[in-house]
Amino acid sequence: MAFVIPDDLAPEVYPLAWLLGRWHGQGVIAYPGIEETVVTQDLVFDHDGGPYLRYESTFRAVVLPDDGSALVPGPDGQIRAVDPPPPGSVWSTETGYWRISPERDPALPVDRHPLEVLLTDPAGHLSLYLGSTGNGRVDLVSDLIARTASAAEVTAATRMYGHVQGELMWAWDLAAFGHGLQSYASARLSRVDAPDEPGQDT
């Protein structure tokens, strides 16, 4: 079935139209001091006609450590054991906005578009990513990560999203809690809901 670009989608975000809809799948979160945890992810890209996409992501725990405890970073960045939420409970959420930048680096290949992504989470982080999109792929590098006084220290991050045989595969690397940049989360998602408004096939 062909994907349909909604008639009311702003032309500025046509390069991101392939992300529109609701995605669901399974992934893994793991980091030094955080035991590997299987999660499900619900990811939504939608729009309100403005020159940007709205983004919302929710992780839920599926498999928890065998001993019934979880190691998580506290507000001071120190790793400590806590009683984890039961399976199905929310692990983390993010919301934000994605837009194609009006400023283009002359060195950017003609088949890529400059991208700006602003994300926030309830743990106290606000992240600005810069990157590019094209040919069903997104590459992002953190430009700024601001945090509240009680939030864990995160100093850098990268993200990669790829459209592979109709599925969305993505990976998130972090430099946090005194560790260098390394894998934090990844997932494979399937589209479960797409825009159904009349529009242009793609």
N, C-alpha and C. Protein backbone atom coordinates (compact mmCIF):
# COMPACT_ATOMS: atom_id res chain seq x y z
N MET A 1 0.85 -1.19 0.00
CA MET A 1 0.00 0.00 0.00
C MET A 1 0.89 1.24 0.00
N ALA A 2 0.60 2.16 -0.90
CA ALA A 2 1.39 3.38 -1.02
C ALA A 2 1.13 4.30 0.16
N PHE A 3 2.19 4.96 0.61
CA PHE A 3 2.05 5.95 1.66
C PHE A 3 1.49 7.23 1.04
N VAL A 4 0.58 7.89 1.73
CA VAL A 4 -0.07 9.09 1.22
C VAL A 4 0.37 10.30 2.02
N ILE A 5 0.87 11.32 1.30
CA ILE A 5 1.22 12.57 1.95
C ILE A 5 -0.07 13.38 2.14
N PRO A 6 -0.42 13.73 3.37
CA PRO A 6 -1.66 14.48 3.60
C PRO A 6 -1.65 15.81 2.85
N ASP A 7 -2.83 16.19 2.35
CA ASP A 7 -2.94 17.45 1.61
C ASP A 7 -2.55 18.66 2.45
N ASP A 8 -2.78 18.60 3.78
CA ASP A 8 -2.51 19.75 4.62
C ASP A 8 -1.12 19.73 5.24
N LEU A 9 -0.25 18.81 4.80
CA LEU A 9 1.12 18.80 5.30
C LEU A 9 1.90 19.94 4.66
N ALA A 10 2.60 20.70 5.50
CA ALA A 10 3.39 21.82 4.99
C ALA A 10 4.47 21.31 4.05
N PRO A 11 4.65 21.93 2.88
CA PRO A 11 5.68 21.48 1.94
C PRO A 11 7.08 21.46 2.53
N GLU A 12 7.33 22.33 3.51
CA GLU A 12 8.66 22.38 4.12
C GLU A 12 9.07 21.05 4.73
N VAL A 13 8.11 20.23 5.15
CA VAL A 13 8.46 18.96 5.81
C VAL A 13 8.19 17.74 4.94
N TYR A 14 7.99 17.92 3.63
CA TYR A 14 7.85 16.77 2.75
C TYR A 14 9.01 15.77 2.91
N PRO A 15 10.27 16.23 3.10
CA PRO A 15 11.36 15.25 3.26
C PRO A 15 11.21 14.36 4.49
N LEU A 16 10.32 14.73 5.43
CA LEU A 16 10.09 13.93 6.63
C LEU A 16 8.76 13.18 6.58
N ALA A 17 8.03 13.30 5.48
CA ALA A 17 6.68 12.73 5.41
C ALA A 17 6.67 11.23 5.65
N TRP A 18 7.74 10.53 5.29
CA TRP A 18 7.77 9.07 5.46
C TRP A 18 7.72 8.65 6.92
N LEU A 19 7.97 9.58 7.84
CA LEU A 19 7.92 9.27 9.26
C LEU A 19 6.51 9.38 9.84
N LEU A 20 5.60 10.04 9.14
CA LEU A 20 4.27 10.30 9.68
C LEU A 20 3.55 9.01 10.05
N GLY A 21 2.85 9.07 11.17
CA GLY A 21 2.04 7.95 11.61
C GLY A 21 2.44 7.48 12.99
N ARG A 22 1.87 6.35 13.36
CA ARG A 22 2.13 5.74 14.66
C ARG A 22 2.93 4.46 14.44
N TRP A 23 4.01 4.32 15.21
CA TRP A 23 4.89 3.17 15.08
C TRP A 23 4.93 2.43 16.43
N HIS A 24 5.10 1.12 16.36
CA HIS A 24 5.18 0.31 17.58
C HIS A 24 6.14 -0.84 17.35
N GLY A 25 6.90 -1.17 18.40
CA GLY A 25 7.80 -2.30 18.28
C GLY A 25 8.56 -2.53 19.57
N GLN A 26 9.61 -3.32 19.45
CA GLN A 26 10.39 -3.72 20.63
C GLN A 26 11.83 -3.29 20.47
N GLY A 27 12.47 -3.01 21.60
CA GLY A 27 13.87 -2.61 21.59
C GLY A 27 14.55 -2.97 22.88
N VAL A 28 15.75 -2.44 23.04
CA VAL A 28 16.57 -2.75 24.21
C VAL A 28 17.20 -1.46 24.72
N ILE A 29 17.20 -1.29 26.04
CA ILE A 29 17.93 -0.22 26.70
C ILE A 29 19.02 -0.86 27.55
N ALA A 30 20.26 -0.40 27.39
CA ALA A 30 21.38 -0.92 28.19
C ALA A 30 22.48 0.12 28.18
N TYR A 31 23.16 0.25 29.32
CA TYR A 31 24.24 1.23 29.46
C TYR A 31 25.05 0.83 30.69
N PRO A 32 26.32 1.23 30.77
CA PRO A 32 27.08 0.90 31.98
C PRO A 32 26.33 1.30 33.26
N GLY A 33 26.09 0.34 34.13
CA GLY A 33 25.35 0.59 35.36
C GLY A 33 23.86 0.43 35.22
N ILE A 34 23.36 0.25 33.99
CA ILE A 34 21.93 0.03 33.75
C ILE A 34 21.79 -1.32 33.09
N GLU A 35 21.22 -2.28 33.80
CA GLU A 35 21.12 -3.64 33.27
C GLU A 35 20.24 -3.66 32.03
N GLU A 36 20.60 -4.50 31.07
CA GLU A 36 19.85 -4.59 29.82
C GLU A 36 18.37 -4.85 30.10
N THR A 37 17.53 -4.04 29.50
CA THR A 37 16.09 -4.13 29.70
C THR A 37 15.38 -4.13 28.36
N VAL A 38 14.53 -5.11 28.14
CA VAL A 38 13.73 -5.15 26.92
C VAL A 38 12.53 -4.22 27.10
N VAL A 39 12.28 -3.40 26.10
CA VAL A 39 11.19 -2.43 26.18
C VAL A 39 10.36 -2.49 24.91
N THR A 40 9.12 -2.03 25.03
CA THR A 40 8.34 -1.72 23.84
C THR A 40 8.37 -0.21 23.66
N GLN A 41 8.21 0.23 22.44
CA GLN A 41 8.19 1.66 22.15
C GLN A 41 6.98 2.00 21.29
N ASP A 42 6.29 3.05 21.68
CA ASP A 42 5.26 3.67 20.85
C ASP A 42 5.79 5.02 20.41
N LEU A 43 5.84 5.23 19.12
CA LEU A 43 6.42 6.44 18.54
C LEU A 43 5.42 7.06 17.59
N VAL A 44 5.16 8.35 17.76
CA VAL A 44 4.17 9.04 16.93
C VAL A 44 4.80 10.27 16.29
N PHE A 45 4.65 10.38 14.98
CA PHE A 45 4.96 11.60 14.25
C PHE A 45 3.65 12.11 13.65
N ASP A 46 3.25 13.33 14.03
CA ASP A 46 2.05 13.91 13.43
C ASP A 46 2.31 15.38 13.13
N HIS A 47 1.28 16.08 12.71
CA HIS A 47 1.46 17.48 12.32
C HIS A 47 0.15 18.23 12.51
N ASP A 48 0.26 19.55 12.54
CA ASP A 48 -0.93 20.40 12.63
C ASP A 48 -0.98 21.40 11.50
N GLY A 49 -0.25 21.12 10.43
CA GLY A 49 -0.21 22.01 9.28
C GLY A 49 0.95 22.99 9.29
N GLY A 50 1.65 23.08 10.44
CA GLY A 50 2.81 23.97 10.53
C GLY A 50 4.03 23.35 9.86
N PRO A 51 5.11 24.11 9.69
CA PRO A 51 6.30 23.63 8.99
C PRO A 51 7.20 22.77 9.87
N TYR A 52 6.63 21.77 10.51
CA TYR A 52 7.35 20.90 11.43
C TYR A 52 6.52 19.65 11.67
N LEU A 53 7.13 18.62 12.20
CA LEU A 53 6.41 17.45 12.69
C LEU A 53 6.46 17.43 14.20
N ARG A 54 5.38 17.01 14.83
CA ARG A 54 5.37 16.78 16.27
C ARG A 54 5.77 15.34 16.54
N TYR A 55 6.48 15.16 17.65
CA TYR A 55 7.07 13.85 17.96
C TYR A 55 6.72 13.47 19.39
N GLU A 56 6.38 12.20 19.60
CA GLU A 56 6.14 11.68 20.95
C GLU A 56 6.59 10.23 21.01
N SER A 57 7.40 9.92 22.03
CA SER A 57 7.92 8.57 22.20
C SER A 57 7.67 8.11 23.63
N THR A 58 7.24 6.84 23.76
CA THR A 58 7.04 6.23 25.08
C THR A 58 7.65 4.84 25.10
N PHE A 59 8.54 4.62 26.07
CA PHE A 59 9.10 3.29 26.31
C PHE A 59 8.37 2.66 27.49
N ARG A 60 8.09 1.35 27.38
CA ARG A 60 7.51 0.60 28.49
C ARG A 60 8.36 -0.64 28.75
N ALA A 61 8.61 -0.95 30.02
CA ALA A 61 9.43 -2.11 30.38
C ALA A 61 8.69 -3.40 30.05
N VAL A 62 9.43 -4.37 29.51
CA VAL A 62 8.88 -5.69 29.22
C VAL A 62 9.53 -6.74 30.11
N VAL A 63 10.85 -6.79 30.11
CA VAL A 63 11.59 -7.76 30.91
C VAL A 63 12.48 -6.99 31.88
N LEU A 64 12.39 -7.33 33.14
CA LEU A 64 13.16 -6.66 34.18
C LEU A 64 14.23 -7.59 34.73
N PRO A 65 15.24 -7.07 35.41
CA PRO A 65 16.29 -7.91 35.97
C PRO A 65 15.73 -9.04 36.82
N ASP A 66 16.43 -10.20 36.79
CA ASP A 66 15.96 -11.40 37.50
C ASP A 66 15.81 -11.19 39.00
N ASP A 67 16.64 -10.33 39.57
CA ASP A 67 16.60 -10.17 41.02
C ASP A 67 15.52 -9.19 41.48
N GLY A 68 14.74 -8.66 40.53
CA GLY A 68 13.63 -7.79 40.90
C GLY A 68 14.04 -6.36 41.18
N SER A 69 15.31 -6.02 40.97
CA SER A 69 15.73 -4.65 41.17
C SER A 69 16.28 -4.09 39.87
N ALA A 70 16.41 -2.80 39.79
CA ALA A 70 16.98 -2.18 38.61
C ALA A 70 18.01 -1.15 39.05
N LEU A 71 19.06 -1.02 38.26
CA LEU A 71 20.07 0.00 38.51
C LEU A 71 19.80 1.17 37.60
N VAL A 72 19.55 2.33 38.18
CA VAL A 72 19.22 3.50 37.38
C VAL A 72 20.01 4.70 37.89
N PRO A 73 20.25 5.69 37.00
CA PRO A 73 20.98 6.88 37.45
C PRO A 73 20.09 7.78 38.28
N GLY A 74 20.60 8.25 39.42
CA GLY A 74 19.87 9.20 40.25
C GLY A 74 20.11 10.62 39.77
N PRO A 75 19.49 11.60 40.40
CA PRO A 75 19.64 13.00 40.00
C PRO A 75 21.08 13.48 39.99
N ASP A 76 21.92 12.87 40.85
CA ASP A 76 23.33 13.28 40.90
C ASP A 76 24.20 12.49 39.93
N GLY A 77 23.57 11.63 39.12
CA GLY A 77 24.33 10.84 38.16
C GLY A 77 24.87 9.54 38.72
N GLN A 78 24.75 9.31 40.02
CA GLN A 78 25.23 8.08 40.62
C GLN A 78 24.24 6.95 40.36
N ILE A 79 24.78 5.75 40.08
CA ILE A 79 23.93 4.60 39.80
C ILE A 79 23.53 3.95 41.12
N ARG A 80 22.24 3.69 41.28
CA ARG A 80 21.77 3.07 42.52
C ARG A 80 20.61 2.11 42.21
N ALA A 81 20.43 1.14 43.09
CA ALA A 81 19.37 0.15 42.91
C ALA A 81 18.04 0.73 43.38
N VAL A 82 17.00 0.44 42.62
CA VAL A 82 15.65 0.86 42.99
C VAL A 82 14.70 -0.29 42.67
N ASP A 83 13.52 -0.24 43.25
CA ASP A 83 12.48 -1.19 42.88
C ASP A 83 11.92 -0.75 41.54
N PRO A 84 12.02 -1.60 40.52
CA PRO A 84 11.57 -1.18 39.19
C PRO A 84 10.06 -1.19 39.06
N PRO A 85 9.54 -0.49 38.06
CA PRO A 85 8.11 -0.56 37.79
C PRO A 85 7.76 -1.94 37.24
N PRO A 86 6.52 -2.37 37.39
CA PRO A 86 6.12 -3.67 36.85
C PRO A 86 6.15 -3.64 35.33
N PRO A 87 6.26 -4.82 34.70
CA PRO A 87 6.24 -4.86 33.24
C PRO A 87 5.03 -4.13 32.68
N GLY A 88 5.25 -3.38 31.62
CA GLY A 88 4.18 -2.59 31.02
C GLY A 88 4.13 -1.17 31.52
N SER A 89 4.81 -0.88 32.61
CA SER A 89 4.84 0.48 33.13
C SER A 89 5.77 1.34 32.27
N VAL A 90 5.50 2.63 32.27
CA VAL A 90 6.29 3.55 31.47
C VAL A 90 7.71 3.63 32.02
N TRP A 91 8.69 3.46 31.14
CA TRP A 91 10.11 3.59 31.49
C TRP A 91 10.55 5.03 31.28
N SER A 92 10.20 5.60 30.11
CA SER A 92 10.57 6.99 29.82
C SER A 92 9.72 7.51 28.67
N THR A 93 9.63 8.83 28.58
CA THR A 93 8.90 9.48 27.50
C THR A 93 9.70 10.66 26.96
N GLU A 94 9.37 11.06 25.75
CA GLU A 94 9.95 12.25 25.12
C GLU A 94 8.90 12.91 24.25
N THR A 95 8.97 14.21 24.14
CA THR A 95 8.15 14.93 23.17
C THR A 95 9.04 15.95 22.47
N GLY A 96 8.61 16.40 21.31
CA GLY A 96 9.42 17.39 20.63
C GLY A 96 8.90 17.76 19.26
N TYR A 97 9.77 18.44 18.52
CA TYR A 97 9.45 18.94 17.18
C TYR A 97 10.62 18.69 16.24
N TRP A 98 10.30 18.29 15.02
CA TRP A 98 11.29 18.08 13.96
C TRP A 98 10.99 19.05 12.83
N ARG A 99 12.02 19.71 12.30
CA ARG A 99 11.79 20.58 11.15
C ARG A 99 13.01 20.60 10.24
N ILE A 100 12.75 20.83 8.97
CA ILE A 100 13.81 21.02 8.00
C ILE A 100 14.34 22.44 8.17
N SER A 101 15.65 22.56 8.33
CA SER A 101 16.25 23.87 8.54
C SER A 101 16.21 24.70 7.26
N PRO A 102 15.90 25.99 7.37
CA PRO A 102 15.92 26.86 6.19
C PRO A 102 17.35 27.19 5.74
N GLU A 103 18.33 26.89 6.59
CA GLU A 103 19.72 27.18 6.24
C GLU A 103 20.42 25.88 5.83
N ARG A 104 20.99 25.89 4.63
CA ARG A 104 21.59 24.68 4.08
C ARG A 104 23.10 24.85 3.95
N ASP A 105 23.84 23.89 4.48
CA ASP A 105 25.29 23.86 4.33
C ASP A 105 25.62 23.48 2.88
N PRO A 106 26.40 24.29 2.18
CA PRO A 106 26.73 23.96 0.78
C PRO A 106 27.40 22.60 0.63
N ALA A 107 28.03 22.10 1.70
CA ALA A 107 28.70 20.80 1.63
C ALA A 107 27.73 19.62 1.74
N LEU A 108 26.46 19.89 2.10
CA LEU A 108 25.49 18.81 2.25
C LEU A 108 25.12 18.25 0.87
N PRO A 109 25.15 16.93 0.71
CA PRO A 109 24.78 16.34 -0.59
C PRO A 109 23.39 16.78 -1.03
N VAL A 110 23.18 16.84 -2.33
CA VAL A 110 21.92 17.36 -2.87
C VAL A 110 20.73 16.49 -2.49
N ASP A 111 20.97 15.20 -2.19
CA ASP A 111 19.86 14.31 -1.82
C ASP A 111 19.60 14.26 -0.32
N ARG A 112 20.23 15.18 0.43
CA ARG A 112 20.02 15.27 1.88
C ARG A 112 19.47 16.65 2.22
N HIS A 113 18.68 16.70 3.31
CA HIS A 113 18.07 17.95 3.75
C HIS A 113 18.50 18.24 5.19
N PRO A 114 18.88 19.50 5.50
CA PRO A 114 19.30 19.83 6.87
C PRO A 114 18.13 19.71 7.84
N LEU A 115 18.40 19.20 9.03
CA LEU A 115 17.33 18.88 9.98
C LEU A 115 17.66 19.42 11.36
N GLU A 116 16.64 19.95 12.03
CA GLU A 116 16.74 20.41 13.41
C GLU A 116 15.68 19.68 14.24
N VAL A 117 16.10 19.14 15.38
CA VAL A 117 15.18 18.39 16.24
C VAL A 117 15.32 18.89 17.67
N LEU A 118 14.19 19.25 18.27
CA LEU A 118 14.15 19.71 19.66
C LEU A 118 13.35 18.71 20.47
N LEU A 119 13.97 18.12 21.52
CA LEU A 119 13.31 17.09 22.33
C LEU A 119 13.38 17.46 23.80
N THR A 120 12.34 17.09 24.55
CA THR A 120 12.31 17.28 26.00
C THR A 120 11.84 15.98 26.66
N ASP A 121 12.27 15.78 27.91
CA ASP A 121 11.79 14.63 28.67
C ASP A 121 11.49 15.05 30.10
N PRO A 122 10.63 14.30 30.80
CA PRO A 122 10.25 14.68 32.16
C PRO A 122 11.34 14.46 33.19
N ALA A 123 12.47 13.86 32.79
CA ALA A 123 13.60 13.70 33.70
C ALA A 123 14.43 14.97 33.79
N GLY A 124 14.07 16.00 33.02
CA GLY A 124 14.72 17.30 33.15
C GLY A 124 15.71 17.66 32.07
N HIS A 125 15.61 17.04 30.88
CA HIS A 125 16.53 17.34 29.79
C HIS A 125 15.82 18.01 28.63
N LEU A 126 16.51 18.95 28.02
CA LEU A 126 16.08 19.57 26.78
C LEU A 126 17.24 19.44 25.80
N SER A 127 17.03 18.77 24.68
CA SER A 127 18.11 18.46 23.75
C SER A 127 17.83 19.04 22.37
N LEU A 128 18.83 19.67 21.80
CA LEU A 128 18.78 20.16 20.43
C LEU A 128 19.72 19.32 19.59
N TYR A 129 19.17 18.67 18.57
CA TYR A 129 19.97 17.87 17.65
C TYR A 129 20.00 18.56 16.28
N LEU A 130 21.13 18.46 15.60
CA LEU A 130 21.27 18.91 14.23
C LEU A 130 21.69 17.71 13.39
N GLY A 131 21.26 17.70 12.14
CA GLY A 131 21.63 16.59 11.29
C GLY A 131 21.04 16.74 9.91
N SER A 132 20.73 15.59 9.30
CA SER A 132 20.20 15.62 7.95
C SER A 132 19.31 14.41 7.72
N THR A 133 18.48 14.50 6.69
CA THR A 133 17.61 13.40 6.30
C THR A 133 17.60 13.29 4.79
N GLY A 134 17.38 12.08 4.31
CA GLY A 134 17.30 11.83 2.89
C GLY A 134 17.36 10.35 2.61
N ASN A 135 16.66 9.92 1.57
CA ASN A 135 16.68 8.51 1.17
C ASN A 135 16.29 7.57 2.30
N GLY A 136 15.29 7.98 3.11
CA GLY A 136 14.80 7.12 4.18
C GLY A 136 15.74 6.96 5.34
N ARG A 137 16.60 7.94 5.58
CA ARG A 137 17.54 7.87 6.70
C ARG A 137 17.64 9.23 7.37
N VAL A 138 17.80 9.19 8.71
CA VAL A 138 18.01 10.39 9.51
C VAL A 138 19.27 10.19 10.34
N ASP A 139 20.16 11.18 10.32
CA ASP A 139 21.35 11.17 11.17
C ASP A 139 21.35 12.45 12.00
N LEU A 140 21.47 12.30 13.33
CA LEU A 140 21.41 13.44 14.24
C LEU A 140 22.57 13.41 15.23
N VAL A 141 23.08 14.60 15.54
CA VAL A 141 24.13 14.77 16.55
C VAL A 141 23.70 15.89 17.49
N SER A 142 23.84 15.68 18.79
CA SER A 142 23.43 16.71 19.74
C SER A 142 24.27 17.97 19.57
N ASP A 143 23.61 19.11 19.58
CA ASP A 143 24.27 20.41 19.53
C ASP A 143 24.25 21.07 20.90
N LEU A 144 23.20 20.77 21.67
CA LEU A 144 23.02 21.32 23.01
C LEU A 144 22.19 20.35 23.83
N ILE A 145 22.63 20.05 25.05
CA ILE A 145 21.81 19.28 26.00
C ILE A 145 21.77 20.07 27.29
N ALA A 146 20.63 20.66 27.58
CA ALA A 146 20.45 21.42 28.81
C ALA A 146 19.71 20.54 29.81
N ARG A 147 19.94 20.80 31.10
CA ARG A 147 19.28 19.98 32.12
C ARG A 147 18.96 20.82 33.34
N THR A 148 17.98 20.37 34.08
CA THR A 148 17.66 20.99 35.35
C THR A 148 18.69 20.59 36.38
N ALA A 149 18.68 21.24 37.52
CA ALA A 149 19.65 20.93 38.57
C ALA A 149 19.52 19.51 39.08
N SER A 150 18.33 18.93 38.99
CA SER A 150 18.12 17.59 39.52
C SER A 150 18.27 16.49 38.47
N ALA A 151 18.52 16.85 37.22
CA ALA A 151 18.61 15.86 36.16
C ALA A 151 20.00 15.25 36.07
N ALA A 152 20.07 14.00 35.63
CA ALA A 152 21.35 13.33 35.45
C ALA A 152 22.13 14.00 34.33
N GLU A 153 23.45 13.97 34.46
CA GLU A 153 24.30 14.63 33.47
C GLU A 153 24.41 13.80 32.20
N VAL A 154 24.04 14.41 31.09
CA VAL A 154 24.21 13.82 29.76
C VAL A 154 24.97 14.86 28.94
N THR A 155 26.11 14.47 28.38
CA THR A 155 26.96 15.46 27.73
C THR A 155 26.90 15.43 26.21
N ALA A 156 26.50 14.32 25.60
CA ALA A 156 26.43 14.24 24.14
C ALA A 156 25.55 13.06 23.75
N ALA A 157 25.04 13.11 22.52
CA ALA A 157 24.20 12.03 22.02
C ALA A 157 24.16 12.05 20.51
N THR A 158 23.94 10.89 19.93
CA THR A 158 23.68 10.78 18.50
C THR A 158 22.47 9.86 18.31
N ARG A 159 21.77 10.05 17.20
CA ARG A 159 20.65 9.17 16.86
C ARG A 159 20.66 8.91 15.36
N MET A 160 20.26 7.70 14.99
CA MET A 160 20.13 7.32 13.60
C MET A 160 18.81 6.60 13.41
N TYR A 161 18.06 7.00 12.39
CA TYR A 161 16.79 6.37 12.04
C TYR A 161 16.88 5.91 10.59
N GLY A 162 16.38 4.71 10.31
CA GLY A 162 16.39 4.22 8.94
C GLY A 162 15.11 3.50 8.59
N HIS A 163 14.60 3.75 7.38
CA HIS A 163 13.41 3.09 6.88
C HIS A 163 13.87 1.87 6.08
N VAL A 164 13.65 0.67 6.63
CA VAL A 164 14.17 -0.55 6.03
C VAL A 164 13.01 -1.52 5.80
N GLN A 165 12.69 -1.76 4.53
CA GLN A 165 11.63 -2.68 4.15
C GLN A 165 10.33 -2.41 4.91
N GLY A 166 9.97 -1.14 4.98
CA GLY A 166 8.71 -0.74 5.60
C GLY A 166 8.75 -0.58 7.10
N GLU A 167 9.88 -0.91 7.73
CA GLU A 167 10.01 -0.77 9.18
C GLU A 167 10.96 0.38 9.52
N LEU A 168 10.80 0.89 10.73
CA LEU A 168 11.65 1.97 11.22
C LEU A 168 12.64 1.38 12.22
N MET A 169 13.92 1.44 11.88
CA MET A 169 14.96 0.96 12.78
C MET A 169 15.76 2.17 13.23
N TRP A 170 16.07 2.21 14.53
CA TRP A 170 16.80 3.38 15.02
C TRP A 170 17.71 3.00 16.18
N ALA A 171 18.71 3.86 16.41
CA ALA A 171 19.68 3.63 17.48
C ALA A 171 20.03 4.97 18.11
N TRP A 172 20.30 4.92 19.42
CA TRP A 172 20.57 6.12 20.21
C TRP A 172 21.82 5.86 21.05
N ASP A 173 22.85 6.66 20.82
CA ASP A 173 24.09 6.59 21.60
C ASP A 173 24.15 7.77 22.56
N LEU A 174 24.71 7.53 23.76
CA LEU A 174 24.80 8.57 24.79
C LEU A 174 26.21 8.65 25.37
N ALA A 175 26.58 9.85 25.78
CA ALA A 175 27.72 10.06 26.68
C ALA A 175 27.11 10.62 27.95
N ALA A 176 27.13 9.82 29.02
CA ALA A 176 26.43 10.21 30.25
C ALA A 176 27.07 9.54 31.45
N PHE A 177 26.84 10.12 32.63
CA PHE A 177 27.29 9.55 33.91
C PHE A 177 28.80 9.30 33.92
N GLY A 178 29.54 10.14 33.20
CA GLY A 178 30.99 10.00 33.16
C GLY A 178 31.50 9.03 32.12
N HIS A 179 30.63 8.40 31.34
CA HIS A 179 31.04 7.45 30.31
C HIS A 179 31.10 8.13 28.94
N GLY A 180 31.93 7.59 28.07
CA GLY A 180 32.02 8.09 26.71
C GLY A 180 30.83 7.69 25.87
N LEU A 181 30.75 8.24 24.67
CA LEU A 181 29.64 7.98 23.76
C LEU A 181 29.57 6.50 23.41
N GLN A 182 28.41 5.88 23.69
CA GLN A 182 28.20 4.46 23.39
C GLN A 182 26.72 4.16 23.35
N SER A 183 26.41 2.95 22.89
CA SER A 183 25.01 2.57 22.69
C SER A 183 24.20 2.66 23.98
N TYR A 184 23.01 3.23 23.87
CA TYR A 184 22.07 3.31 24.99
C TYR A 184 20.76 2.60 24.68
N ALA A 185 20.20 2.85 23.50
CA ALA A 185 18.90 2.25 23.16
C ALA A 185 18.83 2.01 21.65
N SER A 186 18.05 1.01 21.28
CA SER A 186 17.77 0.73 19.88
C SER A 186 16.43 0.01 19.80
N ALA A 187 15.79 0.11 18.64
CA ALA A 187 14.49 -0.53 18.49
C ALA A 187 14.18 -0.76 17.02
N ARG A 188 13.27 -1.68 16.79
CA ARG A 188 12.74 -1.95 15.45
C ARG A 188 11.23 -1.79 15.54
N LEU A 189 10.68 -0.88 14.75
CA LEU A 189 9.28 -0.51 14.86
C LEU A 189 8.54 -0.75 13.55
N SER A 190 7.27 -1.11 13.68
CA SER A 190 6.40 -1.26 12.52
C SER A 190 5.33 -0.19 12.55
N ARG A 191 4.94 0.28 11.38
CA ARG A 191 3.90 1.30 11.32
C ARG A 191 2.55 0.65 11.61
N VAL A 192 1.82 1.19 12.57
CA VAL A 192 0.52 0.64 12.93
C VAL A 192 -0.61 1.59 12.56
N ASP A 193 -0.27 2.80 12.19
CA ASP A 193 -1.29 3.77 11.81
C ASP A 193 -0.61 4.84 10.97
N ALA A 194 -1.16 5.14 9.82
CA ALA A 194 -0.59 6.15 8.93
C ALA A 194 -1.65 7.18 8.58
N PRO A 195 -1.24 8.36 8.13
CA PRO A 195 -2.24 9.36 7.72
C PRO A 195 -3.16 8.77 6.67
N ASP A 196 -4.47 9.01 6.82
CA ASP A 196 -5.41 8.47 5.84
C ASP A 196 -6.16 9.57 5.10
N GLU A 197 -5.68 10.81 5.25
CA GLU A 197 -6.32 11.88 4.52
C GLU A 197 -5.98 11.77 3.04
N PRO A 198 -6.88 12.23 2.14
CA PRO A 198 -6.54 12.26 0.73
C PRO A 198 -5.28 13.09 0.53
N GLY A 199 -4.43 12.67 -0.37
CA GLY A 199 -3.20 13.42 -0.61
C GLY A 199 -2.42 12.83 -1.76
N GLN A 200 -1.10 13.01 -1.71
CA GLN A 200 -0.24 12.56 -2.78
C GLN A 200 0.39 11.23 -2.41
N ASP A 201 0.34 10.26 -3.34
CA ASP A 201 1.03 9.01 -3.11
C ASP A 201 2.52 9.20 -3.20
N THR A 202 3.25 8.42 -2.38
CA THR A 202 4.69 8.46 -2.44
C THR A 202 5.27 7.04 -2.33
